[in-house]
Amino acid sequence: MSKRILVTGGASGLGRAIAGHYAAAGWRVLIADLVEPAEPPAGDVSYQRLDVRSEEDWERVRAWCVSTWGGLDVLVNNAGVAAAGRMERIGRDDWEWILGINLNGVAAGCRAFIPLFKEQRGGHLVNISSLAGLMNLPGMASYNVSKAAVISLSETLRYELEPWNVRTTVVCPGFVPTNLGSGLRSPDPVLTEVAHKMIAKGTVTPEQVAERVAEAVAKGRFLVHTHREVRVVVALKRLLPKVVDRQVAKGWRQMRAKLEEQDRKRERETSGA
């Protein structure tokens, strides 16, 4: 019998690429998302509606996996949203929104399926984080925090679940050309524009990321850097932190100038009104 994988946020973007990769490899795939995929991947693919913030939705999806498949082999916590903005401008609602999806949604998925994986004496958690969770660049506080927390959670679970033969992988992509930016929230239009450009210019495709995720699962690898430049930057931050600090400070000075011009423009428009 073919193996079973659940991918949250699997209707589009990176999630769809992961679902498609596994479906093509002959796995049974469950796409769990707020919307049904317009064009689901070819293969043995099912769909269940899931809001990752809802404990009830998670219970229902887990029950489906047990009743329909008899269990689950891999859970991919991929669903996520993006945000940018200077710290003092990010409101409480936006903090709750991004943490509710990017962090609490991952934690809820883990809580839902860890008991099943322990009962099975096997399973694999794949949590999609980001380079942002490693670099913590300015102008992205809420996004950075949400993704850094996923790395921390994943490392905790790596040790906690090993006695039950449950493996954990955390994936830290750089920019990938997907629809992630379509729902991006930011009080700073300048940062929104930069984020959209960086996402569009991503050098690694969703399909390439999916291949690296599958390879990590097959080999039981914990940490996955999907971009060569990510590996280089992370190594530089560890080995030559002052060099990285200077580059980050330089980039932020240039960005601050654009943000200050944005603020002056807003003030002129407000006073003119």
C-alpha atoms as a PDB file:
ATOM      1  CA  MET A   1       0.000   0.000   0.000  1.00  0.00           C
ATOM      2  CA  SER A   2       1.355   3.435  -0.924  1.00  0.00           C
ATOM      3  CA  LYS A   3       2.428   5.877   1.768  1.00  0.00           C
ATOM      4  CA  ARG A   4       0.297   8.780   2.971  1.00  0.00           C
ATOM      5  CA  ILE A   5       1.106  12.493   3.215  1.00  0.00           C
ATOM      6  CA  LEU A   6      -0.910  15.534   4.334  1.00  0.00           C
ATOM      7  CA  VAL A   7       0.110  18.982   3.059  1.00  0.00           C
ATOM      8  CA  THR A   8      -1.418  22.107   4.600  1.00  0.00           C
ATOM      9  CA  GLY A   9      -1.756  25.072   2.278  1.00  0.00           C
ATOM     10  CA  GLY A  10      -1.528  22.541  -0.520  1.00  0.00           C
ATOM     11  CA  ALA A  11      -3.930  24.218  -2.939  1.00  0.00           C
ATOM     12  CA  SER A  12      -1.310  26.589  -4.346  1.00  0.00           C
ATOM     13  CA  GLY A  13       2.294  27.716  -4.275  1.00  0.00           C
ATOM     14  CA  LEU A  14       4.903  25.651  -2.487  1.00  0.00           C
ATOM     15  CA  GLY A  15       2.285  23.404  -0.891  1.00  0.00           C
ATOM     16  CA  ARG A  16       0.878  22.440  -4.271  1.00  0.00           C
ATOM     17  CA  ALA A  17       4.376  21.685  -5.560  1.00  0.00           C
ATOM     18  CA  ILE A  18       5.033  19.382  -2.593  1.00  0.00           C
ATOM     19  CA  ALA A  19       1.670  17.679  -3.054  1.00  0.00           C
ATOM     20  CA  GLY A  20       2.333  17.259  -6.772  1.00  0.00           C
ATOM     21  CA  HIS A  21       5.793  15.804  -6.212  1.00  0.00           C
ATOM     22  CA  TYR A  22       4.507  13.137  -3.852  1.00  0.00           C
ATOM     23  CA  ALA A  23       1.444  12.374  -5.978  1.00  0.00           C
ATOM     24  CA  ALA A  24       3.725  11.799  -8.974  1.00  0.00           C
ATOM     25  CA  ALA A  25       5.818   9.446  -6.822  1.00  0.00           C
ATOM     26  CA  GLY A  26       2.737   7.313  -6.139  1.00  0.00           C
ATOM     27  CA  TRP A  27       1.901   8.507  -2.621  1.00  0.00           C
ATOM     28  CA  ARG A  28      -1.628   9.078  -1.385  1.00  0.00           C
ATOM     29  CA  VAL A  29      -1.893  12.839  -0.878  1.00  0.00           C
ATOM     30  CA  LEU A  30      -4.301  14.886   1.199  1.00  0.00           C
ATOM     31  CA  ILE A  31      -4.402  18.606   0.442  1.00  0.00           C
ATOM     32  CA  ALA A  32      -5.694  20.512   3.466  1.00  0.00           C
ATOM     33  CA  ASP A  33      -6.453  24.150   2.741  1.00  0.00           C
ATOM     34  CA  LEU A  34      -9.087  26.837   3.093  1.00  0.00           C
ATOM     35  CA  VAL A  35      -9.942  26.444  -0.597  1.00  0.00           C
ATOM     36  CA  GLU A  36     -10.054  23.429  -2.862  1.00  0.00           C
ATOM     37  CA  PRO A  37      -7.285  23.441  -5.500  1.00  0.00           C
ATOM     38  CA  ALA A  38      -8.466  24.734  -8.860  1.00  0.00           C
ATOM     39  CA  GLU A  39      -6.267  22.167 -10.612  1.00  0.00           C
ATOM     40  CA  PRO A  40      -5.265  19.400  -8.211  1.00  0.00           C
ATOM     41  CA  PRO A  41      -2.139  17.416  -9.076  1.00  0.00           C
ATOM     42  CA  ALA A  42      -2.622  14.198 -10.989  1.00  0.00           C
ATOM     43  CA  GLY A  43      -2.651  11.076  -8.856  1.00  0.00           C
ATOM     44  CA  ASP A  44      -4.308   9.798  -5.713  1.00  0.00           C
ATOM     45  CA  VAL A  45      -5.131  13.247  -4.302  1.00  0.00           C
ATOM     46  CA  SER A  46      -7.895  14.121  -1.839  1.00  0.00           C
ATOM     47  CA  TYR A  47      -8.987  17.414  -0.299  1.00  0.00           C
ATOM     48  CA  GLN A  48     -10.202  18.462   3.133  1.00  0.00           C
ATOM     49  CA  ARG A  49     -10.999  22.006   4.178  1.00  0.00           C
ATOM     50  CA  LEU A  50      -8.667  23.157   6.957  1.00  0.00           C
ATOM     51  CA  ASP A  51      -8.149  26.413   8.803  1.00  0.00           C
ATOM     52  CA  VAL A  52      -4.889  25.693  10.618  1.00  0.00           C
ATOM     53  CA  ARG A  53      -6.015  27.946  13.493  1.00  0.00           C
ATOM     54  CA  SER A  54      -9.000  25.708  14.211  1.00  0.00           C
ATOM     55  CA  GLU A  55      -8.563  22.814  16.643  1.00  0.00           C
ATOM     56  CA  GLU A  56     -11.901  21.406  15.427  1.00  0.00           C
ATOM     57  CA  ASP A  57     -10.676  21.393  11.820  1.00  0.00           C
ATOM     58  CA  TRP A  58      -7.500  19.589  12.838  1.00  0.00           C
ATOM     59  CA  GLU A  59      -9.474  16.962  14.755  1.00  0.00           C
ATOM     60  CA  ARG A  60     -11.719  16.390  11.754  1.00  0.00           C
ATOM     61  CA  VAL A  61      -8.774  16.057   9.340  1.00  0.00           C
ATOM     62  CA  ARG A  62      -6.956  13.645  11.664  1.00  0.00           C
ATOM     63  CA  ALA A  63     -10.139  11.564  11.957  1.00  0.00           C
ATOM     64  CA  TRP A  64     -10.360  11.484   8.142  1.00  0.00           C
ATOM     65  CA  CYS A  65      -6.781  10.204   7.885  1.00  0.00           C
ATOM     66  CA  VAL A  66      -7.467   7.455  10.406  1.00  0.00           C
ATOM     67  CA  SER A  67     -10.823   6.375   8.978  1.00  0.00           C
ATOM     68  CA  THR A  68      -9.851   6.633   5.295  1.00  0.00           C
ATOM     69  CA  TRP A  69      -6.177   5.704   5.313  1.00  0.00           C
ATOM     70  CA  GLY A  70      -5.681   4.026   8.665  1.00  0.00           C
ATOM     71  CA  GLY A  71      -3.074   6.599   9.669  1.00  0.00           C
ATOM     72  CA  LEU A  72      -0.525   9.013   8.217  1.00  0.00           C
ATOM     73  CA  ASP A  73       3.174   8.836   7.331  1.00  0.00           C
ATOM     74  CA  VAL A  74       4.149  12.483   6.752  1.00  0.00           C
ATOM     75  CA  LEU A  75       2.586  15.755   7.882  1.00  0.00           C
ATOM     76  CA  VAL A  76       3.805  18.875   6.074  1.00  0.00           C
ATOM     77  CA  ASN A  77       2.952  22.067   7.977  1.00  0.00           C
ATOM     78  CA  ASN A  78       3.311  24.388   5.022  1.00  0.00           C
ATOM     79  CA  ALA A  79       0.412  26.872   5.317  1.00  0.00           C
ATOM     80  CA  GLY A  80       1.716  30.354   6.041  1.00  0.00           C
ATOM     81  CA  VAL A  81       1.341  34.074   5.446  1.00  0.00           C
ATOM     82  CA  ALA A  82       3.751  36.992   5.045  1.00  0.00           C
ATOM     83  CA  ALA A  83       4.129  40.379   6.678  1.00  0.00           C
ATOM     84  CA  ALA A  84       6.530  43.316   6.790  1.00  0.00           C
ATOM     85  CA  GLY A  85       6.712  46.622   8.588  1.00  0.00           C
ATOM     86  CA  ARG A  86       8.558  48.656  11.172  1.00  0.00           C
ATOM     87  CA  MET A  87       8.026  47.345  14.672  1.00  0.00           C
ATOM     88  CA  GLU A  88       6.166  50.346  16.070  1.00  0.00           C
ATOM     89  CA  ARG A  89       3.699  50.250  13.162  1.00  0.00           C
ATOM     90  CA  ILE A  90       2.704  46.591  13.404  1.00  0.00           C
ATOM     91  CA  GLY A  91      -0.575  46.458  15.318  1.00  0.00           C
ATOM     92  CA  ARG A  92      -1.716  43.801  17.755  1.00  0.00           C
ATOM     93  CA  ASP A  93      -4.243  42.379  15.283  1.00  0.00           C
ATOM     94  CA  ASP A  94      -1.507  41.804  12.707  1.00  0.00           C
ATOM     95  CA  TRP A  95       0.717  40.128  15.307  1.00  0.00           C
ATOM     96  CA  GLU A  96      -2.114  37.799  16.310  1.00  0.00           C
ATOM     97  CA  TRP A  97      -2.902  37.071  12.664  1.00  0.00           C
ATOM     98  CA  ILE A  98       0.594  36.021  11.624  1.00  0.00           C
ATOM     99  CA  LEU A  99       1.412  34.132  14.821  1.00  0.00           C
ATOM    100  CA  GLY A 100      -1.978  32.428  14.680  1.00  0.00           C
ATOM    101  CA  ILE A 101      -1.218  30.976  11.251  1.00  0.00           C
ATOM    102  CA  ASN A 102       2.578  30.670  11.006  1.00  0.00           C
ATOM    103  CA  LEU A 103       3.261  29.469  14.545  1.00  0.00           C
ATOM    104  CA  ASN A 104       0.067  28.358  16.270  1.00  0.00           C
ATOM    105  CA  GLY A 105      -1.142  26.667  13.085  1.00  0.00           C
ATOM    106  CA  VAL A 106       2.037  24.576  12.981  1.00  0.00           C
ATOM    107  CA  ALA A 107       1.801  23.807  16.692  1.00  0.00           C
ATOM    108  CA  ALA A 108      -1.844  22.766  16.293  1.00  0.00           C
ATOM    109  CA  GLY A 109      -0.933  20.373  13.496  1.00  0.00           C
ATOM    110  CA  CYS A 110       1.822  18.841  15.596  1.00  0.00           C
ATOM    111  CA  ARG A 111      -0.511  18.462  18.584  1.00  0.00           C
ATOM    112  CA  ALA A 112      -3.137  16.805  16.417  1.00  0.00           C
ATOM    113  CA  PHE A 113      -0.871  14.183  14.863  1.00  0.00           C
ATOM    114  CA  ILE A 114       1.866  13.471  17.405  1.00  0.00           C
ATOM    115  CA  PRO A 115      -0.382  11.096  19.424  1.00  0.00           C
ATOM    116  CA  LEU A 116      -1.133   9.184  16.219  1.00  0.00           C
ATOM    117  CA  PHE A 117       2.544   9.038  15.247  1.00  0.00           C
ATOM    118  CA  LYS A 118       3.450   7.792  18.731  1.00  0.00           C
ATOM    119  CA  GLU A 119       0.759   5.133  18.516  1.00  0.00           C
ATOM    120  CA  GLN A 120       2.097   4.087  15.104  1.00  0.00           C
ATOM    121  CA  ARG A 121       5.675   4.163  16.429  1.00  0.00           C
ATOM    122  CA  GLY A 122       6.596   6.194  13.374  1.00  0.00           C
ATOM    123  CA  GLY A 123       5.887   9.268  11.283  1.00  0.00           C
ATOM    124  CA  HIS A 124       7.534  12.414  10.011  1.00  0.00           C
ATOM    125  CA  LEU A 125       6.804  16.080  10.737  1.00  0.00           C
ATOM    126  CA  VAL A 126       7.917  18.597   8.115  1.00  0.00           C
ATOM    127  CA  ASN A 127       7.625  22.224   9.214  1.00  0.00           C
ATOM    128  CA  ILE A 128       8.170  24.953   6.640  1.00  0.00           C
ATOM    129  CA  SER A 129      10.050  27.892   8.155  1.00  0.00           C
ATOM    130  CA  SER A 130      12.134  30.481   6.282  1.00  0.00           C
ATOM    131  CA  LEU A 131      15.528  32.111   5.946  1.00  0.00           C
ATOM    132  CA  ALA A 132      13.825  34.974   7.801  1.00  0.00           C
ATOM    133  CA  GLY A 133      13.810  32.842  10.938  1.00  0.00           C
ATOM    134  CA  LEU A 134      17.597  32.567  10.785  1.00  0.00           C
ATOM    135  CA  MET A 135      18.592  36.062   9.642  1.00  0.00           C
ATOM    136  CA  ASN A 136      16.050  38.278  11.489  1.00  0.00           C
ATOM    137  CA  LEU A 137      16.430  41.205   9.120  1.00  0.00           C
ATOM    138  CA  PRO A 138      14.972  44.624  10.058  1.00  0.00           C
ATOM    139  CA  GLY A 139      11.547  45.631   8.817  1.00  0.00           C
ATOM    140  CA  MET A 140      10.131  42.113   9.198  1.00  0.00           C
ATOM    141  CA  ALA A 141       9.744  41.656  12.948  1.00  0.00           C
ATOM    142  CA  SER A 142       6.478  39.713  13.084  1.00  0.00           C
ATOM    143  CA  TYR A 143       7.374  37.431  10.179  1.00  0.00           C
ATOM    144  CA  ASN A 144      10.859  36.785  11.564  1.00  0.00           C
ATOM    145  CA  VAL A 145       9.495  35.881  14.986  1.00  0.00           C
ATOM    146  CA  SER A 146       6.871  33.522  13.580  1.00  0.00           C
ATOM    147  CA  LYS A 147       9.436  31.653  11.497  1.00  0.00           C
ATOM    148  CA  ALA A 148      12.181  31.586  14.136  1.00  0.00           C
ATOM    149  CA  ALA A 149       9.674  30.052  16.530  1.00  0.00           C
ATOM    150  CA  VAL A 150       8.949  27.267  14.030  1.00  0.00           C
ATOM    151  CA  ILE A 151      12.665  26.430  13.938  1.00  0.00           C
ATOM    152  CA  SER A 152      12.768  26.337  17.741  1.00  0.00           C
ATOM    153  CA  LEU A 153       9.646  24.166  17.922  1.00  0.00           C
ATOM    154  CA  SER A 154      11.039  21.777  15.318  1.00  0.00           C
ATOM    155  CA  GLU A 155      14.343  21.331  17.131  1.00  0.00           C
ATOM    156  CA  THR A 156      12.490  20.661  20.379  1.00  0.00           C
ATOM    157  CA  LEU A 157      10.317  18.020  18.737  1.00  0.00           C
ATOM    158  CA  ARG A 158      13.305  16.457  17.006  1.00  0.00           C
ATOM    159  CA  TYR A 159      14.632  15.353  20.391  1.00  0.00           C
ATOM    160  CA  GLU A 160      11.290  14.864  22.109  1.00  0.00           C
ATOM    161  CA  LEU A 161       9.867  12.458  19.531  1.00  0.00           C
ATOM    162  CA  GLU A 162      12.958  10.444  18.573  1.00  0.00           C
ATOM    163  CA  PRO A 163      12.185   7.630  21.079  1.00  0.00           C
ATOM    164  CA  TRP A 164       8.985   6.885  19.127  1.00  0.00           C
ATOM    165  CA  ASN A 165      10.805   6.795  15.776  1.00  0.00           C
ATOM    166  CA  VAL A 166       9.092  10.061  14.799  1.00  0.00           C
ATOM    167  CA  ARG A 167      11.352  12.277  12.722  1.00  0.00           C
ATOM    168  CA  THR A 168      11.261  16.043  12.302  1.00  0.00           C
ATOM    169  CA  THR A 169      12.449  18.228   9.435  1.00  0.00           C
ATOM    170  CA  VAL A 170      12.452  22.012   9.285  1.00  0.00           C
ATOM    171  CA  VAL A 171      12.802  23.701   5.897  1.00  0.00           C
ATOM    172  CA  CYS A 172      14.251  27.224   5.595  1.00  0.00           C
ATOM    173  CA  PRO A 173      13.790  28.500   2.028  1.00  0.00           C
ATOM    174  CA  GLY A 174      14.945  31.827   0.718  1.00  0.00           C
ATOM    175  CA  PHE A 175      12.685  33.672  -1.699  1.00  0.00           C
ATOM    176  CA  VAL A 176      10.566  31.349  -3.843  1.00  0.00           C
ATOM    177  CA  PRO A 177       8.345  32.676  -6.675  1.00  0.00           C
ATOM    178  CA  THR A 178       4.890  31.795  -5.322  1.00  0.00           C
ATOM    179  CA  ASN A 179       1.674  33.624  -4.463  1.00  0.00           C
ATOM    180  CA  LEU A 180       2.836  34.211  -0.861  1.00  0.00           C
ATOM    181  CA  GLY A 181       2.968  37.958  -1.404  1.00  0.00           C
ATOM    182  CA  SER A 182      -0.670  38.192  -2.477  1.00  0.00           C
ATOM    183  CA  GLY A 183      -1.866  38.239   1.131  1.00  0.00           C
ATOM    184  CA  LEU A 184       1.091  40.112   2.611  1.00  0.00           C
ATOM    185  CA  ARG A 185       0.192  42.626   5.325  1.00  0.00           C
ATOM    186  CA  SER A 186       2.277  45.717   5.923  1.00  0.00           C
ATOM    187  CA  PRO A 187       1.761  49.286   7.132  1.00  0.00           C
ATOM    188  CA  ASP A 188       4.758  50.316   4.998  1.00  0.00           C
ATOM    189  CA  PRO A 189       4.134  50.289   1.217  1.00  0.00           C
ATOM    190  CA  VAL A 190       7.862  50.602   0.544  1.00  0.00           C
ATOM    191  CA  LEU A 191       8.529  47.312   2.319  1.00  0.00           C
ATOM    192  CA  THR A 192       5.559  45.677   0.592  1.00  0.00           C
ATOM    193  CA  GLU A 193       6.994  46.597  -2.803  1.00  0.00           C
ATOM    194  CA  VAL A 194      10.421  45.256  -1.893  1.00  0.00           C
ATOM    195  CA  ALA A 195       8.954  41.985  -0.632  1.00  0.00           C
ATOM    196  CA  HIS A 196       6.941  41.470  -3.814  1.00  0.00           C
ATOM    197  CA  LYS A 197      10.022  42.062  -5.963  1.00  0.00           C
ATOM    198  CA  MET A 198      12.167  39.680  -3.929  1.00  0.00           C
ATOM    199  CA  ILE A 199       9.541  36.930  -4.042  1.00  0.00           C
ATOM    200  CA  ALA A 200       9.135  37.336  -7.810  1.00  0.00           C
ATOM    201  CA  LYS A 201      12.917  37.141  -8.309  1.00  0.00           C
ATOM    202  CA  GLY A 202      13.306  33.942  -6.300  1.00  0.00           C
ATOM    203  CA  THR A 203      16.046  31.776  -7.804  1.00  0.00           C
ATOM    204  CA  VAL A 204      14.653  28.389  -6.711  1.00  0.00           C
ATOM    205  CA  THR A 205      11.298  27.152  -7.984  1.00  0.00           C
ATOM    206  CA  PRO A 206       8.585  25.578  -5.807  1.00  0.00           C
ATOM    207  CA  GLU A 207       9.192  22.290  -7.614  1.00  0.00           C
ATOM    208  CA  GLN A 208      12.890  22.382  -6.714  1.00  0.00           C
ATOM    209  CA  VAL A 209      12.026  23.044  -3.072  1.00  0.00           C
ATOM    210  CA  ALA A 210       9.599  20.108  -3.176  1.00  0.00           C
ATOM    211  CA  GLU A 211      12.386  17.843  -4.427  1.00  0.00           C
ATOM    212  CA  ARG A 212      14.636  18.900  -1.551  1.00  0.00           C
ATOM    213  CA  VAL A 213      11.857  18.357   0.960  1.00  0.00           C
ATOM    214  CA  ALA A 214      11.295  14.831  -0.361  1.00  0.00           C
ATOM    215  CA  GLU A 215      15.021  14.096  -0.245  1.00  0.00           C
ATOM    216  CA  ALA A 216      15.216  15.313   3.367  1.00  0.00           C
ATOM    217  CA  VAL A 217      12.276  13.111   4.361  1.00  0.00           C
ATOM    218  CA  ALA A 218      13.800  10.082   2.645  1.00  0.00           C
ATOM    219  CA  LYS A 219      17.153  10.618   4.370  1.00  0.00           C
ATOM    220  CA  GLY A 220      15.774  11.729   7.729  1.00  0.00           C
ATOM    221  CA  ARG A 221      17.524  15.093   7.502  1.00  0.00           C
ATOM    222  CA  PHE A 222      16.574  17.722  10.096  1.00  0.00           C
ATOM    223  CA  LEU A 223      17.554  21.119   8.667  1.00  0.00           C
ATOM    224  CA  VAL A 224      17.061  21.947   4.996  1.00  0.00           C
ATOM    225  CA  HIS A 225      18.480  25.027   3.282  1.00  0.00           C
ATOM    226  CA  THR A 226      16.907  25.075  -0.164  1.00  0.00           C
ATOM    227  CA  HIS A 227      18.994  27.910  -1.644  1.00  0.00           C
ATOM    228  CA  ARG A 228      22.765  27.996  -2.075  1.00  0.00           C
ATOM    229  CA  GLU A 229      22.804  31.679  -1.074  1.00  0.00           C
ATOM    230  CA  VAL A 230      20.977  30.782   2.128  1.00  0.00           C
ATOM    231  CA  ARG A 231      23.687  28.313   3.085  1.00  0.00           C
ATOM    232  CA  VAL A 232      26.358  30.940   2.357  1.00  0.00           C
ATOM    233  CA  VAL A 233      24.667  33.707   4.347  1.00  0.00           C
ATOM    234  CA  VAL A 234      23.958  31.471   7.332  1.00  0.00           C
ATOM    235  CA  ALA A 235      27.574  30.285   7.355  1.00  0.00           C
ATOM    236  CA  LEU A 236      28.834  33.878   7.151  1.00  0.00           C
ATOM    237  CA  LYS A 237      26.598  34.926  10.023  1.00  0.00           C
ATOM    238  CA  ARG A 238      28.087  32.186  12.172  1.00  0.00           C
ATOM    239  CA  LEU A 239      31.731  32.561  11.111  1.00  0.00           C
ATOM    240  CA  LEU A 240      32.000  36.276  10.251  1.00  0.00           C
ATOM    241  CA  PRO A 241      29.176  38.000  12.154  1.00  0.00           C
ATOM    242  CA  LYS A 242      30.685  41.495  11.911  1.00  0.00           C
ATOM    243  CA  VAL A 243      30.773  41.289   8.123  1.00  0.00           C
ATOM    244  CA  VAL A 244      27.091  40.352   8.033  1.00  0.00           C
ATOM    245  CA  ASP A 245      26.241  43.063  10.582  1.00  0.00           C
ATOM    246  CA  ARG A 246      27.854  45.722   8.400  1.00  0.00           C
ATOM    247  CA  GLN A 247      25.964  44.572   5.320  1.00  0.00           C
ATOM    248  CA  VAL A 248      22.632  44.441   7.146  1.00  0.00           C
ATOM    249  CA  ALA A 249      23.217  47.896   8.652  1.00  0.00           C
ATOM    250  CA  LYS A 250      24.119  49.311   5.236  1.00  0.00           C
ATOM    251  CA  GLY A 251      20.995  47.849   3.642  1.00  0.00           C
ATOM    252  CA  TRP A 252      18.803  49.167   6.452  1.00  0.00           C
ATOM    253  CA  ARG A 253      20.246  52.688   6.124  1.00  0.00           C
ATOM    254  CA  GLN A 254      19.239  52.688   2.474  1.00  0.00           C
ATOM    255  CA  MET A 255      15.805  51.307   3.292  1.00  0.00           C
ATOM    256  CA  ARG A 256      15.294  53.822   6.094  1.00  0.00           C
ATOM    257  CA  ALA A 257      15.855  56.660   3.651  1.00  0.00           C
ATOM    258  CA  LYS A 258      13.072  55.306   1.435  1.00  0.00           C
ATOM    259  CA  LEU A 259      10.773  54.808   4.425  1.00  0.00           C
ATOM    260  CA  GLU A 260      11.391  58.355   5.663  1.00  0.00           C
ATOM    261  CA  GLU A 261      10.539  59.703   2.216  1.00  0.00           C
ATOM    262  CA  GLN A 262       7.376  57.576   2.294  1.00  0.00           C
ATOM    263  CA  ASP A 263       6.474  59.125   5.667  1.00  0.00           C
ATOM    264  CA  ARG A 264       7.103  62.675   4.422  1.00  0.00           C
ATOM    265  CA  LYS A 265       4.893  62.014   1.412  1.00  0.00           C
ATOM    266  CA  ARG A 266       2.108  60.769   3.666  1.00  0.00           C
ATOM    267  CA  GLU A 267       2.393  63.833   5.865  1.00  0.00           C
ATOM    268  CA  ARG A 268       2.177  66.132   2.831  1.00  0.00           C
ATOM    269  CA  GLU A 269      -0.887  64.282   1.556  1.00  0.00           C
ATOM    270  CA  THR A 270      -2.532  64.406   4.985  1.00  0.00           C
ATOM    271  CA  SER A 271      -1.852  68.090   5.493  1.00  0.00           C
ATOM    272  CA  GLY A 272      -3.007  68.849   1.968  1.00  0.00           C
ATOM    273  CA  ALA A 273      -6.277  67.046   2.570  1.00  0.00           C
END
